[in-house]
Amino acid sequence: MLSNWIERLFKSEDQAHDLSTPADASAYFVLTYKELTVGHLRHEKGKWFFEYAEEFKKQDKVSTLIDFPNKDKKYEETHLWPFFSHRIPGLSQPQVQQIIQKENIDANNEIDLLRRFGQKTISNPFELQLG
């Protein structure tokens, strides 16, 4: 898939190895912008799903995300989209390594890494909360 190729192209060297998520793992996250609920990200049965919240669909002040241009579509993918995967920091950073070891986080599990590091990022103003 083109999106997976593009994602690998822009990953840093220390994230070049493919992160994965166990097929039986499930997770639910809520994406917000200030007080606005933007959408819902979930992982079930080996797939990632994203859809915009009704609150977001009814407003016209905040634009759709580049990876998700259609407000009414329910997106489904086997790999985590770049908008979310880029929230995971470079795993070779010493501070990140210390957190992973101290908190016994599976460094290959996207859900675990997103739970720990994905809430805020310097690259965009959106927040990702565990639902």
Protein backbone atom coordinates (compact mmCIF):
# COMPACT_ATOMS: atom_id res chain seq x y z
CA MET A 1 0.00 0.00 0.00
CA LEU A 2 1.17 3.47 -0.85
CA SER A 3 0.46 4.89 2.63
CA ASN A 4 2.62 2.20 4.27
CA TRP A 5 5.48 2.92 1.86
CA ILE A 6 5.26 6.65 2.56
CA GLU A 7 5.19 6.05 6.32
CA ARG A 8 8.35 3.92 6.16
CA LEU A 9 10.03 6.57 4.02
CA PHE A 10 9.57 9.24 6.69
CA LYS A 11 10.30 7.16 9.78
CA SER A 12 13.51 7.90 11.57
CA GLU A 13 16.24 5.25 11.49
CA ASP A 14 15.51 4.08 15.01
CA GLN A 15 11.88 3.50 14.06
CA ALA A 16 12.73 1.77 10.79
CA HIS A 17 11.87 -1.59 12.35
CA ASP A 18 8.19 -2.23 12.01
CA LEU A 19 6.26 -1.79 15.19
CA SER A 20 3.37 -4.17 15.53
CA THR A 21 0.33 -4.80 17.59
CA PRO A 22 -0.82 -8.27 18.64
CA ALA A 23 -3.90 -9.23 16.62
CA ASP A 24 -5.85 -9.99 19.78
CA ALA A 25 -5.03 -6.64 21.42
CA SER A 26 -7.73 -4.02 21.66
CA ALA A 27 -7.56 -0.33 22.46
CA TYR A 28 -9.70 2.76 22.24
CA PHE A 29 -8.48 6.36 22.02
CA VAL A 30 -10.25 9.71 21.70
CA LEU A 31 -8.67 12.46 19.61
CA THR A 32 -9.42 16.02 20.73
CA TYR A 33 -8.58 19.57 19.72
CA LYS A 34 -9.01 21.97 22.64
CA GLU A 35 -12.55 21.18 23.85
CA LEU A 36 -13.67 19.55 20.58
CA THR A 37 -13.86 15.78 20.25
CA VAL A 38 -12.41 15.15 16.80
CA GLY A 39 -12.62 11.39 16.44
CA HIS A 40 -12.17 7.89 17.74
CA LEU A 41 -9.24 5.55 17.10
CA ARG A 42 -9.54 1.91 18.00
CA HIS A 43 -7.75 -1.35 17.44
CA GLU A 44 -9.67 -4.62 17.24
CA LYS A 45 -8.97 -8.03 15.74
CA GLY A 46 -5.73 -6.95 14.10
CA LYS A 47 -7.07 -3.78 12.48
CA TRP A 48 -7.03 -0.06 13.21
CA PHE A 49 -10.21 1.99 12.79
CA PHE A 50 -10.71 5.75 12.78
CA GLU A 51 -13.88 7.75 12.45
CA TYR A 52 -14.82 11.33 13.16
CA ALA A 53 -17.03 12.15 16.13
CA GLU A 54 -20.53 13.51 15.50
CA GLU A 55 -19.48 16.70 17.29
CA PHE A 56 -16.67 17.19 14.79
CA LYS A 57 -18.89 16.47 11.78
CA LYS A 58 -21.30 19.23 12.83
CA GLN A 59 -18.68 21.98 13.12
CA ASP A 60 -16.83 23.87 10.38
CA LYS A 61 -13.98 25.62 12.20
CA VAL A 62 -11.47 22.74 12.32
CA SER A 63 -10.49 21.06 9.05
CA THR A 64 -10.33 17.32 8.50
CA LEU A 65 -7.01 15.57 9.03
CA ILE A 66 -4.87 14.92 5.97
CA ASP A 67 -4.98 11.13 6.45
CA PHE A 68 -8.76 11.26 6.84
CA PRO A 69 -10.27 13.72 4.34
CA ASN A 70 -13.87 12.42 4.40
CA LYS A 71 -15.82 13.27 7.58
CA ASP A 72 -18.37 10.54 6.92
CA LYS A 73 -16.05 7.65 6.13
CA LYS A 74 -15.12 4.95 8.64
CA TYR A 75 -11.44 4.28 7.98
CA GLU A 76 -9.92 0.82 8.38
CA GLU A 77 -6.29 -0.26 7.99
CA THR A 78 -3.98 -3.05 9.14
CA HIS A 79 -1.20 -0.52 9.93
CA LEU A 80 -1.42 2.54 12.13
CA TRP A 81 -1.72 5.73 10.05
CA PRO A 82 1.23 8.19 10.04
CA PHE A 83 -0.83 10.84 11.85
CA PHE A 84 -0.87 8.54 14.88
CA SER A 85 2.37 6.58 14.47
CA HIS A 86 4.38 9.81 14.42
CA ARG A 87 3.20 10.44 17.97
CA ILE A 88 5.54 7.65 19.06
CA PRO A 89 9.00 9.12 19.70
CA GLY A 90 12.28 7.74 18.39
CA LEU A 91 12.89 4.61 20.41
CA SER A 92 16.67 4.99 20.51
CA GLN A 93 16.50 8.20 22.53
CA PRO A 94 18.05 7.53 25.96
CA GLN A 95 15.17 9.17 27.85
CA VAL A 96 12.63 7.10 25.92
CA GLN A 97 14.65 3.93 26.56
CA GLN A 98 14.71 4.70 30.31
CA ILE A 99 10.91 5.10 30.37
CA ILE A 100 10.39 1.89 28.39
CA GLN A 101 12.61 -0.08 30.77
CA LYS A 102 11.36 1.53 33.97
CA GLU A 103 7.68 1.09 33.06
CA ASN A 104 8.19 -2.32 31.43
CA ILE A 105 6.64 -1.23 28.13
CA ASP A 106 6.76 -3.54 25.12
CA ALA A 107 8.90 -1.46 22.73
CA ASN A 108 7.41 -3.22 19.69
CA ASN A 109 3.75 -2.81 20.60
CA GLU A 110 2.13 0.24 19.00
CA ILE A 111 -0.76 0.29 21.46
CA ASP A 112 1.55 0.29 24.48
CA LEU A 113 3.74 3.00 22.98
CA LEU A 114 0.77 5.12 21.92
CA ARG A 115 -0.74 4.83 25.40
CA ARG A 116 2.48 6.02 27.01
CA PHE A 117 3.82 8.58 24.56
CA GLY A 118 0.98 9.50 22.19
CA GLN A 119 -1.06 11.96 24.20
CA LYS A 120 0.70 15.10 22.99
CA THR A 121 3.18 15.87 20.24
CA ILE A 122 5.05 18.97 19.21
CA SER A 123 4.08 18.42 15.57
CA ASN A 124 0.34 19.18 16.00
CA PRO A 125 -2.11 20.61 18.54
CA PHE A 126 -4.32 17.53 18.84
CA GLU A 127 -4.39 15.35 21.97
CA LEU A 128 -4.91 11.61 22.07
CA GLN A 129 -6.54 10.29 25.23
CA LEU A 130 -7.09 6.71 26.25
CA GLY A 131 -10.85 6.16 25.96
